[in-house]
Amino acid sequence: MAALFGLRVRRLRGAAGLTQSELGRRAHTHSTRINQIERTTGAKPTLKLAQALDTALNADGLLVDLWPYVYREAFPDWSRKFIELSERAVAIRQYAAAVVPGLLQTEDYAREVLSVGLTLKSPAQLEERLAARLGRQARLTKPDALELWVILDEAVLMRPIGGPAVMRAQLARLLRAADDPRITLQVLPYSSGAHSALGWSLEIPTMPDGSEVAYIESGHRGQLFEEPEEVKEFAVTYDRLRALALPPIMSLDMIRSVMEGTYLAERIPSRSEHRRLAQVQLQQSGGWQLRRGRRLPPRHRPRP
């Protein structure tokens, strides 16, 4: 697919009468990078570069549409089919046993996680996988973004991947993500004890037609399940995990507490504190006041 992408770029460039240097300037990159893409000799293009090339060559979305197929090649064979299915999903339920799910990872956190993969072969491949992972996150900001429900094991919060600064930024990313009404976060605390998903992570994507698949991952290997009866069993497992986990508000409080205590972040106001502060500011603004759940105009003072 990378070769096909490069071929399309070369043909579109030729049709536009552009040299590699001219295309590089239009796409805000170097002619050497254009040559690597066309000859498939360097790192695979990032989504940002694919978008820039698409615009520069008036490709009408062709290169952007082709890019997902290119980046799948950066991952092991056993994970590619699952990636393809998850990209089509309208909703995803996840239980993360070891690390923050890729859709919610910061760049620094993702780099640390991907750099220890057993299937990683070179620094260039690391950059390909990083670009691919970050590119998938665009799905969360589209108008038709998927519904995402994530249960994080407490171990995910406590494992200092990349050090305190990286973890502070990552936990802050989780708190911001929870502001999106389409994203729900829960934490499964150590105190919940043993459960049926010990030792592996679980993801259940829901397809546009309502069908579901299940994917479990342990260590550096994963397995995809598509048979309805098997998927149903994993769905029951997920519901049990959800019942054991802290409610969403308490989960966010726990993430905030770990961020401030373990990773020494400055104190972060909770959602309820934000609401109280907003009400106080509104009441002190000299305009509308909040009284008994209604918005009433201020009383006029009598003239002297």
C-alpha atoms as a PDB file:
ATOM      1  CA  MET A   1       0.000   0.000   0.000  1.00  0.00           C
ATOM      2  CA  ALA A   2       2.908   2.344   0.650  1.00  0.00           C
ATOM      3  CA  ALA A   3       4.126   1.622  -2.886  1.00  0.00           C
ATOM      4  CA  LEU A   4       0.671   2.363  -4.275  1.00  0.00           C
ATOM      5  CA  PHE A   5       0.576   5.628  -2.333  1.00  0.00           C
ATOM      6  CA  GLY A   6       3.972   6.600  -3.739  1.00  0.00           C
ATOM      7  CA  LEU A   7       2.859   5.721  -7.264  1.00  0.00           C
ATOM      8  CA  ARG A   8      -0.235   7.909  -6.929  1.00  0.00           C
ATOM      9  CA  VAL A   9       1.855  10.826  -5.686  1.00  0.00           C
ATOM     10  CA  ARG A  10       4.300  10.469  -8.589  1.00  0.00           C
ATOM     11  CA  ARG A  11       1.514  10.307 -11.192  1.00  0.00           C
ATOM     12  CA  LEU A  12      -0.377  13.244  -9.710  1.00  0.00           C
ATOM     13  CA  ARG A  13       2.833  15.258  -9.527  1.00  0.00           C
ATOM     14  CA  GLY A  14       3.600  14.456 -13.148  1.00  0.00           C
ATOM     15  CA  ALA A  15       0.097  15.418 -14.245  1.00  0.00           C
ATOM     16  CA  ALA A  16       0.470  18.721 -12.401  1.00  0.00           C
ATOM     17  CA  GLY A  17       3.835  19.402 -14.057  1.00  0.00           C
ATOM     18  CA  LEU A  18       5.644  19.740 -10.726  1.00  0.00           C
ATOM     19  CA  THR A  19       9.154  18.748  -9.790  1.00  0.00           C
ATOM     20  CA  GLN A  20       9.809  17.026  -6.460  1.00  0.00           C
ATOM     21  CA  SER A  21      11.258  20.288  -5.134  1.00  0.00           C
ATOM     22  CA  GLU A  22       8.192  22.261  -6.187  1.00  0.00           C
ATOM     23  CA  LEU A  23       5.836  19.743  -4.611  1.00  0.00           C
ATOM     24  CA  GLY A  24       7.960  19.712  -1.467  1.00  0.00           C
ATOM     25  CA  ARG A  25       7.614  23.472  -1.099  1.00  0.00           C
ATOM     26  CA  ARG A  26       3.847  23.331  -1.628  1.00  0.00           C
ATOM     27  CA  ALA A  27       3.490  20.538   0.935  1.00  0.00           C
ATOM     28  CA  HIS A  28       5.890  22.225   3.393  1.00  0.00           C
ATOM     29  CA  THR A  29       8.447  19.444   3.255  1.00  0.00           C
ATOM     30  CA  HIS A  30      11.729  18.704   1.460  1.00  0.00           C
ATOM     31  CA  SER A  31      12.241  17.257  -2.001  1.00  0.00           C
ATOM     32  CA  THR A  32      14.126  14.346  -0.386  1.00  0.00           C
ATOM     33  CA  ARG A  33      10.967  13.427   1.524  1.00  0.00           C
ATOM     34  CA  ILE A  34       8.919  13.467  -1.688  1.00  0.00           C
ATOM     35  CA  ASN A  35      11.499  11.190  -3.299  1.00  0.00           C
ATOM     36  CA  GLN A  36      11.340   8.784  -0.339  1.00  0.00           C
ATOM     37  CA  ILE A  37       7.553   8.606  -0.556  1.00  0.00           C
ATOM     38  CA  GLU A  38       7.510   8.009  -4.291  1.00  0.00           C
ATOM     39  CA  ARG A  39      10.232   5.345  -4.111  1.00  0.00           C
ATOM     40  CA  THR A  40       9.013   3.835  -0.805  1.00  0.00           C
ATOM     41  CA  THR A  41      12.488   4.106   0.689  1.00  0.00           C
ATOM     42  CA  GLY A  42      11.822   6.082   3.878  1.00  0.00           C
ATOM     43  CA  ALA A  43       9.309   6.319   6.667  1.00  0.00           C
ATOM     44  CA  LYS A  44       5.662   6.173   5.676  1.00  0.00           C
ATOM     45  CA  PRO A  45       3.912   9.541   5.352  1.00  0.00           C
ATOM     46  CA  THR A  46       2.080  10.936   8.342  1.00  0.00           C
ATOM     47  CA  LEU A  47      -1.574  11.882   8.100  1.00  0.00           C
ATOM     48  CA  LYS A  48      -0.599  15.571   8.170  1.00  0.00           C
ATOM     49  CA  LEU A  49       1.747  15.084   5.229  1.00  0.00           C
ATOM     50  CA  ALA A  50      -0.848  13.051   3.315  1.00  0.00           C
ATOM     51  CA  GLN A  51      -3.301  15.918   3.775  1.00  0.00           C
ATOM     52  CA  ALA A  52      -0.723  18.469   2.613  1.00  0.00           C
ATOM     53  CA  LEU A  53       0.115  16.406  -0.481  1.00  0.00           C
ATOM     54  CA  ASP A  54      -3.565  15.903  -1.241  1.00  0.00           C
ATOM     55  CA  THR A  55      -4.138  19.667  -1.153  1.00  0.00           C
ATOM     56  CA  ALA A  56      -0.997  20.517  -3.110  1.00  0.00           C
ATOM     57  CA  LEU A  57      -1.875  18.017  -5.860  1.00  0.00           C
ATOM     58  CA  ASN A  58      -5.636  18.732  -5.909  1.00  0.00           C
ATOM     59  CA  ALA A  59      -6.195  15.029  -5.319  1.00  0.00           C
ATOM     60  CA  ASP A  60      -9.762  15.520  -4.057  1.00  0.00           C
ATOM     61  CA  GLY A  61      -9.220  13.344  -0.981  1.00  0.00           C
ATOM     62  CA  LEU A  62      -7.625  10.408  -2.814  1.00  0.00           C
ATOM     63  CA  LEU A  63      -4.374  10.448  -0.840  1.00  0.00           C
ATOM     64  CA  VAL A  64      -6.125  11.030   2.484  1.00  0.00           C
ATOM     65  CA  ASP A  65      -8.464   8.102   1.796  1.00  0.00           C
ATOM     66  CA  LEU A  66      -5.503   5.894   0.894  1.00  0.00           C
ATOM     67  CA  TRP A  67      -3.436   6.828   3.944  1.00  0.00           C
ATOM     68  CA  PRO A  68      -5.169   4.514   6.509  1.00  0.00           C
ATOM     69  CA  TYR A  69      -4.273   1.487   4.384  1.00  0.00           C
ATOM     70  CA  VAL A  70      -0.655   2.648   4.310  1.00  0.00           C
ATOM     71  CA  TYR A  71      -0.270   3.048   8.035  1.00  0.00           C
ATOM     72  CA  ARG A  72      -1.763  -0.366   8.869  1.00  0.00           C
ATOM     73  CA  GLU A  73       1.382  -1.885   7.384  1.00  0.00           C
ATOM     74  CA  ALA A  74       3.335  -0.379  10.279  1.00  0.00           C
ATOM     75  CA  PHE A  75       1.672  -2.849  12.658  1.00  0.00           C
ATOM     76  CA  PRO A  76       2.044  -6.639  12.994  1.00  0.00           C
ATOM     77  CA  ASP A  77      -0.100  -8.865  10.772  1.00  0.00           C
ATOM     78  CA  TRP A  78      -2.159 -10.188  13.682  1.00  0.00           C
ATOM     79  CA  SER A  79      -3.425  -6.696  14.573  1.00  0.00           C
ATOM     80  CA  ARG A  80      -4.245  -5.303  11.132  1.00  0.00           C
ATOM     81  CA  LYS A  81      -7.690  -6.834  10.707  1.00  0.00           C
ATOM     82  CA  PHE A  82      -8.719  -5.576  14.112  1.00  0.00           C
ATOM     83  CA  ILE A  83      -7.453  -2.067  13.283  1.00  0.00           C
ATOM     84  CA  GLU A  84      -9.501  -2.131  10.087  1.00  0.00           C
ATOM     85  CA  LEU A  85     -12.640  -3.130  11.994  1.00  0.00           C
ATOM     86  CA  SER A  86     -12.121  -0.616  14.794  1.00  0.00           C
ATOM     87  CA  GLU A  87     -11.807   2.204  12.257  1.00  0.00           C
ATOM     88  CA  ARG A  88     -15.338   1.441  11.081  1.00  0.00           C
ATOM     89  CA  ALA A  89     -16.789   1.253  14.573  1.00  0.00           C
ATOM     90  CA  VAL A  90     -19.462   3.685  15.751  1.00  0.00           C
ATOM     91  CA  ALA A  91     -18.834   2.799  19.412  1.00  0.00           C
ATOM     92  CA  ILE A  92     -15.987   1.175  21.321  1.00  0.00           C
ATOM     93  CA  ARG A  93     -15.871  -0.300  24.821  1.00  0.00           C
ATOM     94  CA  GLN A  94     -12.395  -0.823  26.244  1.00  0.00           C
ATOM     95  CA  TYR A  95     -10.810  -2.230  29.355  1.00  0.00           C
ATOM     96  CA  ALA A  96      -7.160  -1.204  29.653  1.00  0.00           C
ATOM     97  CA  ALA A  97      -5.141  -3.380  32.015  1.00  0.00           C
ATOM     98  CA  ALA A  98      -1.652  -1.947  31.502  1.00  0.00           C
ATOM     99  CA  VAL A  99      -1.522   1.333  29.552  1.00  0.00           C
ATOM    100  CA  VAL A 100      -3.795   4.166  28.473  1.00  0.00           C
ATOM    101  CA  PRO A 101      -5.625   3.200  25.244  1.00  0.00           C
ATOM    102  CA  GLY A 102      -4.081   4.554  22.049  1.00  0.00           C
ATOM    103  CA  LEU A 103      -7.040   6.816  21.254  1.00  0.00           C
ATOM    104  CA  LEU A 104      -6.351   8.795  24.448  1.00  0.00           C
ATOM    105  CA  GLN A 105      -2.550   8.773  24.546  1.00  0.00           C
ATOM    106  CA  THR A 106      -0.403  11.894  24.377  1.00  0.00           C
ATOM    107  CA  GLU A 107       2.457  11.893  21.881  1.00  0.00           C
ATOM    108  CA  ASP A 108       5.161  11.514  24.560  1.00  0.00           C
ATOM    109  CA  TYR A 109       3.295   8.713  26.331  1.00  0.00           C
ATOM    110  CA  ALA A 110       2.630   6.902  23.038  1.00  0.00           C
ATOM    111  CA  ARG A 111       6.297   7.138  22.057  1.00  0.00           C
ATOM    112  CA  GLU A 112       7.365   5.537  25.341  1.00  0.00           C
ATOM    113  CA  VAL A 113       4.823   2.718  24.991  1.00  0.00           C
ATOM    114  CA  LEU A 114       5.621   1.961  21.354  1.00  0.00           C
ATOM    115  CA  SER A 115       9.375   2.064  21.871  1.00  0.00           C
ATOM    116  CA  VAL A 116       9.333  -1.145  23.944  1.00  0.00           C
ATOM    117  CA  GLY A 117       7.439  -3.266  21.401  1.00  0.00           C
ATOM    118  CA  LEU A 118       9.044  -6.616  20.627  1.00  0.00           C
ATOM    119  CA  THR A 119       8.077  -6.311  16.958  1.00  0.00           C
ATOM    120  CA  LEU A 120       9.761  -2.906  16.608  1.00  0.00           C
ATOM    121  CA  LYS A 121      12.611  -3.107  14.116  1.00  0.00           C
ATOM    122  CA  SER A 122      13.939   0.422  13.636  1.00  0.00           C
ATOM    123  CA  PRO A 123      13.579   4.083  14.693  1.00  0.00           C
ATOM    124  CA  ALA A 124      11.814   4.745  11.382  1.00  0.00           C
ATOM    125  CA  GLN A 125       9.213   2.100  12.172  1.00  0.00           C
ATOM    126  CA  LEU A 126       8.692   3.686  15.591  1.00  0.00           C
ATOM    127  CA  GLU A 127       7.905   6.999  13.911  1.00  0.00           C
ATOM    128  CA  GLU A 128       5.515   5.245  11.521  1.00  0.00           C
ATOM    129  CA  ARG A 129       3.644   3.582  14.361  1.00  0.00           C
ATOM    130  CA  LEU A 130       3.563   6.798  16.368  1.00  0.00           C
ATOM    131  CA  ALA A 131       2.132   8.746  13.434  1.00  0.00           C
ATOM    132  CA  ALA A 132      -0.424   6.015  12.844  1.00  0.00           C
ATOM    133  CA  ARG A 133      -1.545   5.972  16.469  1.00  0.00           C
ATOM    134  CA  LEU A 134      -1.873   9.736  16.716  1.00  0.00           C
ATOM    135  CA  GLY A 135      -3.635   9.837  13.356  1.00  0.00           C
ATOM    136  CA  ARG A 136      -6.368   7.531  14.623  1.00  0.00           C
ATOM    137  CA  GLN A 137      -7.226  10.064  17.333  1.00  0.00           C
ATOM    138  CA  ALA A 138      -8.742  12.360  14.706  1.00  0.00           C
ATOM    139  CA  ARG A 139     -11.828  10.139  14.905  1.00  0.00           C
ATOM    140  CA  LEU A 140     -12.623  11.616  18.313  1.00  0.00           C
ATOM    141  CA  THR A 141     -12.952  15.164  16.984  1.00  0.00           C
ATOM    142  CA  LYS A 142     -15.111  14.582  13.918  1.00  0.00           C
ATOM    143  CA  PRO A 143     -18.809  15.571  13.922  1.00  0.00           C
ATOM    144  CA  ASP A 144     -19.746  11.883  13.731  1.00  0.00           C
ATOM    145  CA  ALA A 145     -17.178  10.825  16.340  1.00  0.00           C
ATOM    146  CA  LEU A 146     -17.628   7.409  17.891  1.00  0.00           C
ATOM    147  CA  GLU A 147     -18.896   6.758  21.402  1.00  0.00           C
ATOM    148  CA  LEU A 148     -16.008   5.669  23.639  1.00  0.00           C
ATOM    149  CA  TRP A 149     -16.316   3.971  27.039  1.00  0.00           C
ATOM    150  CA  VAL A 150     -12.996   3.207  28.726  1.00  0.00           C
ATOM    151  CA  ILE A 151     -12.296   1.355  31.979  1.00  0.00           C
ATOM    152  CA  LEU A 152      -8.758   1.940  33.227  1.00  0.00           C
ATOM    153  CA  ASP A 153      -7.197  -0.440  35.710  1.00  0.00           C
ATOM    154  CA  GLU A 154      -5.682   1.491  38.612  1.00  0.00           C
ATOM    155  CA  ALA A 155      -2.308   0.094  37.525  1.00  0.00           C
ATOM    156  CA  VAL A 156      -2.546   2.262  34.396  1.00  0.00           C
ATOM    157  CA  LEU A 157      -2.548   5.388  36.557  1.00  0.00           C
ATOM    158  CA  MET A 158       0.250   4.238  38.843  1.00  0.00           C
ATOM    159  CA  ARG A 159       2.740   2.961  36.248  1.00  0.00           C
ATOM    160  CA  PRO A 160       5.134   5.922  35.626  1.00  0.00           C
ATOM    161  CA  ILE A 161       5.626   5.542  31.894  1.00  0.00           C
ATOM    162  CA  GLY A 162       8.037   8.212  30.698  1.00  0.00           C
ATOM    163  CA  GLY A 163       8.416   9.768  34.142  1.00  0.00           C
ATOM    164  CA  PRO A 164       6.369  12.270  36.177  1.00  0.00           C
ATOM    165  CA  ALA A 165       6.157  15.004  33.539  1.00  0.00           C
ATOM    166  CA  VAL A 166       4.875  12.612  30.869  1.00  0.00           C
ATOM    167  CA  MET A 167       2.369  11.125  33.297  1.00  0.00           C
ATOM    168  CA  ARG A 168       1.104  14.519  34.436  1.00  0.00           C
ATOM    169  CA  ALA A 169       0.418  15.459  30.821  1.00  0.00           C
ATOM    170  CA  GLN A 170      -1.191  12.087  30.134  1.00  0.00           C
ATOM    171  CA  LEU A 171      -3.531  12.226  33.113  1.00  0.00           C
ATOM    172  CA  ALA A 172      -4.447  15.800  32.218  1.00  0.00           C
ATOM    173  CA  ARG A 173      -5.306  14.515  28.744  1.00  0.00           C
ATOM    174  CA  LEU A 174      -7.683  11.979  30.306  1.00  0.00           C
ATOM    175  CA  LEU A 175      -9.424  14.682  32.337  1.00  0.00           C
ATOM    176  CA  ARG A 176      -9.884  16.835  29.236  1.00  0.00           C
ATOM    177  CA  ALA A 177     -11.200  13.873  27.258  1.00  0.00           C
ATOM    178  CA  ALA A 178     -13.854  13.246  29.904  1.00  0.00           C
ATOM    179  CA  ASP A 179     -15.338  16.676  29.144  1.00  0.00           C
ATOM    180  CA  ASP A 180     -16.571  15.220  25.846  1.00  0.00           C
ATOM    181  CA  PRO A 181     -20.091  13.812  26.412  1.00  0.00           C
ATOM    182  CA  ARG A 182     -19.275  10.998  23.981  1.00  0.00           C
ATOM    183  CA  ILE A 183     -16.397   9.754  26.154  1.00  0.00           C
ATOM    184  CA  THR A 184     -16.894   7.980  29.491  1.00  0.00           C
ATOM    185  CA  LEU A 185     -14.009   7.062  31.783  1.00  0.00           C
ATOM    186  CA  GLN A 186     -14.035   4.706  34.759  1.00  0.00           C
ATOM    187  CA  VAL A 187     -11.238   3.429  36.992  1.00  0.00           C
ATOM    188  CA  LEU A 188     -11.152  -0.148  38.249  1.00  0.00           C
ATOM    189  CA  PRO A 189      -9.450   0.147  41.658  1.00  0.00           C
ATOM    190  CA  TYR A 190      -7.150  -2.432  43.211  1.00  0.00           C
ATOM    191  CA  SER A 191      -9.749  -2.856  45.952  1.00  0.00           C
ATOM    192  CA  SER A 192     -12.131  -4.502  43.458  1.00  0.00           C
ATOM    193  CA  GLY A 193     -10.047  -7.669  43.829  1.00  0.00           C
ATOM    194  CA  ALA A 194      -9.892 -10.532  41.331  1.00  0.00           C
ATOM    195  CA  HIS A 195     -11.936 -10.404  38.147  1.00  0.00           C
ATOM    196  CA  SER A 196     -12.335 -12.378  34.919  1.00  0.00           C
ATOM    197  CA  ALA A 197     -10.089 -10.124  32.820  1.00  0.00           C
ATOM    198  CA  LEU A 198      -6.949 -10.316  34.943  1.00  0.00           C
ATOM    199  CA  GLY A 199      -3.821 -10.157  32.796  1.00  0.00           C
ATOM    200  CA  TRP A 200      -5.327  -8.952  29.529  1.00  0.00           C
ATOM    201  CA  SER A 201      -7.016  -5.953  27.925  1.00  0.00           C
ATOM    202  CA  LEU A 202     -10.344  -6.071  26.134  1.00  0.00           C
ATOM    203  CA  GLU A 203     -11.893  -4.023  23.346  1.00  0.00           C
ATOM    204  CA  ILE A 204     -15.390  -4.426  21.880  1.00  0.00           C
ATOM    205  CA  PRO A 205     -16.093  -2.295  18.786  1.00  0.00           C
ATOM    206  CA  THR A 206     -19.676  -1.913  17.564  1.00  0.00           C
ATOM    207  CA  MET A 207     -20.079  -1.786  13.782  1.00  0.00           C
ATOM    208  CA  PRO A 208     -22.526   0.497  11.918  1.00  0.00           C
ATOM    209  CA  ASP A 209     -24.930  -2.440  11.437  1.00  0.00           C
ATOM    210  CA  GLY A 210     -25.004  -3.117  15.192  1.00  0.00           C
ATOM    211  CA  SER A 211     -22.777  -6.205  15.070  1.00  0.00           C
ATOM    212  CA  GLU A 212     -19.813  -6.502  17.435  1.00  0.00           C
ATOM    213  CA  VAL A 213     -16.395  -8.112  17.580  1.00  0.00           C
ATOM    214  CA  ALA A 214     -14.096  -8.613  20.553  1.00  0.00           C
ATOM    215  CA  TYR A 215     -10.344  -8.240  20.730  1.00  0.00           C
ATOM    216  CA  ILE A 216      -8.170  -9.278  23.659  1.00  0.00           C
ATOM    217  CA  GLU A 217      -4.508  -8.438  24.034  1.00  0.00           C
ATOM    218  CA  SER A 218      -1.938  -9.821  26.423  1.00  0.00           C
ATOM    219  CA  GLY A 219       1.689  -8.784  26.315  1.00  0.00           C
ATOM    220  CA  HIS A 220       2.682  -8.389  22.678  1.00  0.00           C
ATOM    221  CA  ARG A 221      -0.013 -10.545  21.093  1.00  0.00           C
ATOM    222  CA  GLY A 222      -3.711 -10.170  20.453  1.00  0.00           C
ATOM    223  CA  GLN A 223      -6.631 -12.296  19.300  1.00  0.00           C
ATOM    224  CA  LEU A 224      -9.773 -11.274  17.429  1.00  0.00           C
ATOM    225  CA  PHE A 225     -13.133 -12.971  18.085  1.00  0.00           C
ATOM    226  CA  GLU A 226     -15.993 -12.586  15.592  1.00  0.00           C
ATOM    227  CA  GLU A 227     -18.363 -15.435  16.448  1.00  0.00           C
ATOM    228  CA  PRO A 228     -21.497 -13.923  18.091  1.00  0.00           C
ATOM    229  CA  GLU A 229     -21.528 -16.370  21.006  1.00  0.00           C
ATOM    230  CA  GLU A 230     -17.900 -15.683  21.853  1.00  0.00           C
ATOM    231  CA  VAL A 231     -18.396 -11.936  21.542  1.00  0.00           C
ATOM    232  CA  LYS A 232     -21.406 -12.152  23.860  1.00  0.00           C
ATOM    233  CA  GLU A 233     -19.267 -13.776  26.552  1.00  0.00           C
ATOM    234  CA  PHE A 234     -16.759 -10.932  26.369  1.00  0.00           C
ATOM    235  CA  ALA A 235     -19.585  -8.378  26.476  1.00  0.00           C
ATOM    236  CA  VAL A 236     -20.767  -9.956  29.744  1.00  0.00           C
ATOM    237  CA  THR A 237     -17.205  -9.789  31.076  1.00  0.00           C
ATOM    238  CA  TYR A 238     -17.073  -6.101  30.216  1.00  0.00           C
ATOM    239  CA  ASP A 239     -20.386  -5.388  31.948  1.00  0.00           C
ATOM    240  CA  ARG A 240     -19.041  -7.050  35.090  1.00  0.00           C
ATOM    241  CA  LEU A 241     -15.911  -4.903  34.957  1.00  0.00           C
ATOM    242  CA  ARG A 242     -18.070  -1.819  34.552  1.00  0.00           C
ATOM    243  CA  ALA A 243     -20.053  -2.801  37.650  1.00  0.00           C
ATOM    244  CA  LEU A 244     -16.839  -3.250  39.679  1.00  0.00           C
ATOM    245  CA  ALA A 245     -15.337   0.054  38.549  1.00  0.00           C
ATOM    246  CA  LEU A 246     -15.781   3.398  40.286  1.00  0.00           C
ATOM    247  CA  PRO A 247     -18.555   5.642  38.940  1.00  0.00           C
ATOM    248  CA  PRO A 248     -17.345   8.209  36.359  1.00  0.00           C
ATOM    249  CA  ILE A 249     -17.275  11.203  38.754  1.00  0.00           C
ATOM    250  CA  MET A 250     -15.346   9.259  41.405  1.00  0.00           C
ATOM    251  CA  SER A 251     -13.033   7.923  38.694  1.00  0.00           C
ATOM    252  CA  LEU A 252     -12.125  11.444  37.583  1.00  0.00           C
ATOM    253  CA  ASP A 253     -11.517  12.421  41.203  1.00  0.00           C
ATOM    254  CA  MET A 254      -9.135   9.476  41.508  1.00  0.00           C
ATOM    255  CA  ILE A 255      -7.256  10.433  38.335  1.00  0.00           C
ATOM    256  CA  ARG A 256      -6.978  13.987  39.652  1.00  0.00           C
ATOM    257  CA  SER A 257      -5.756  12.732  43.039  1.00  0.00           C
ATOM    258  CA  VAL A 258      -3.055  10.525  41.491  1.00  0.00           C
ATOM    259  CA  MET A 259      -1.973  13.391  39.263  1.00  0.00           C
ATOM    260  CA  GLU A 260      -1.600  15.751  42.223  1.00  0.00           C
ATOM    261  CA  GLY A 261      -0.199  13.248  44.724  1.00  0.00           C
ATOM    262  CA  THR A 262       1.908  10.693  42.888  1.00  0.00           C
ATOM    263  CA  TYR A 263       3.052  12.944  40.040  1.00  0.00           C
ATOM    264  CA  LEU A 264       3.146  16.246  41.979  1.00  0.00           C
ATOM    265  CA  ALA A 265       0.876  18.265  39.719  1.00  0.00           C
ATOM    266  CA  GLU A 266      -0.611  21.556  40.868  1.00  0.00           C
ATOM    267  CA  ARG A 267      -4.058  21.221  42.398  1.00  0.00           C
ATOM    268  CA  ILE A 268      -6.774  20.897  39.756  1.00  0.00           C
ATOM    269  CA  PRO A 269     -10.343  22.001  40.586  1.00  0.00           C
ATOM    270  CA  SER A 270     -12.945  19.262  40.243  1.00  0.00           C
ATOM    271  CA  ARG A 271     -16.006  19.591  38.021  1.00  0.00           C
ATOM    272  CA  SER A 272     -18.227  20.510  40.972  1.00  0.00           C
ATOM    273  CA  GLU A 273     -15.730  23.182  42.034  1.00  0.00           C
ATOM    274  CA  HIS A 274     -15.709  24.568  38.498  1.00  0.00           C
ATOM    275  CA  ARG A 275     -19.511  24.806  38.596  1.00  0.00           C
ATOM    276  CA  ARG A 276     -19.544  26.526  41.991  1.00  0.00           C
ATOM    277  CA  LEU A 277     -16.905  29.008  40.841  1.00  0.00           C
ATOM    278  CA  ALA A 278     -18.891  29.762  37.684  1.00  0.00           C
ATOM    279  CA  GLN A 279     -22.020  30.425  39.761  1.00  0.00           C
ATOM    280  CA  VAL A 280     -20.161  32.764  42.108  1.00  0.00           C
ATOM    281  CA  GLN A 281     -18.662  34.678  39.191  1.00  0.00           C
ATOM    282  CA  LEU A 282     -22.078  34.955  37.578  1.00  0.00           C
ATOM    283  CA  GLN A 283     -23.639  36.279  40.765  1.00  0.00           C
ATOM    284  CA  GLN A 284     -20.843  38.817  41.223  1.00  0.00           C
ATOM    285  CA  SER A 285     -20.976  40.048  37.653  1.00  0.00           C
ATOM    286  CA  GLY A 286     -23.776  42.519  38.421  1.00  0.00           C
ATOM    287  CA  GLY A 287     -25.965  40.902  35.806  1.00  0.00           C
ATOM    288  CA  TRP A 288     -28.117  37.799  36.035  1.00  0.00           C
ATOM    289  CA  GLN A 289     -28.341  35.876  39.293  1.00  0.00           C
ATOM    290  CA  LEU A 290     -29.027  32.226  39.956  1.00  0.00           C
ATOM    291  CA  ARG A 291     -31.929  31.748  42.344  1.00  0.00           C
ATOM    292  CA  ARG A 292     -33.662  28.478  42.976  1.00  0.00           C
ATOM    293  CA  GLY A 293     -32.584  27.124  39.596  1.00  0.00           C
ATOM    294  CA  ARG A 294     -34.057  30.130  37.685  1.00  0.00           C
ATOM    295  CA  ARG A 295     -32.328  33.049  36.020  1.00  0.00           C
ATOM    296  CA  LEU A 296     -33.740  36.305  37.404  1.00  0.00           C
ATOM    297  CA  PRO A 297     -32.727  39.891  36.570  1.00  0.00           C
ATOM    298  CA  PRO A 298     -31.057  41.953  39.320  1.00  0.00           C
ATOM    299  CA  ARG A 299     -33.159  44.162  41.502  1.00  0.00           C
ATOM    300  CA  HIS A 300     -32.995  47.877  40.687  1.00  0.00           C
ATOM    301  CA  ARG A 301     -31.890  50.128  43.492  1.00  0.00           C
ATOM    302  CA  PRO A 302     -34.196  53.064  44.179  1.00  0.00           C
ATOM    303  CA  ARG A 303     -32.933  56.429  43.062  1.00  0.00           C
ATOM    304  CA  PRO A 304     -31.798  58.767  45.848  1.00  0.00           C
END
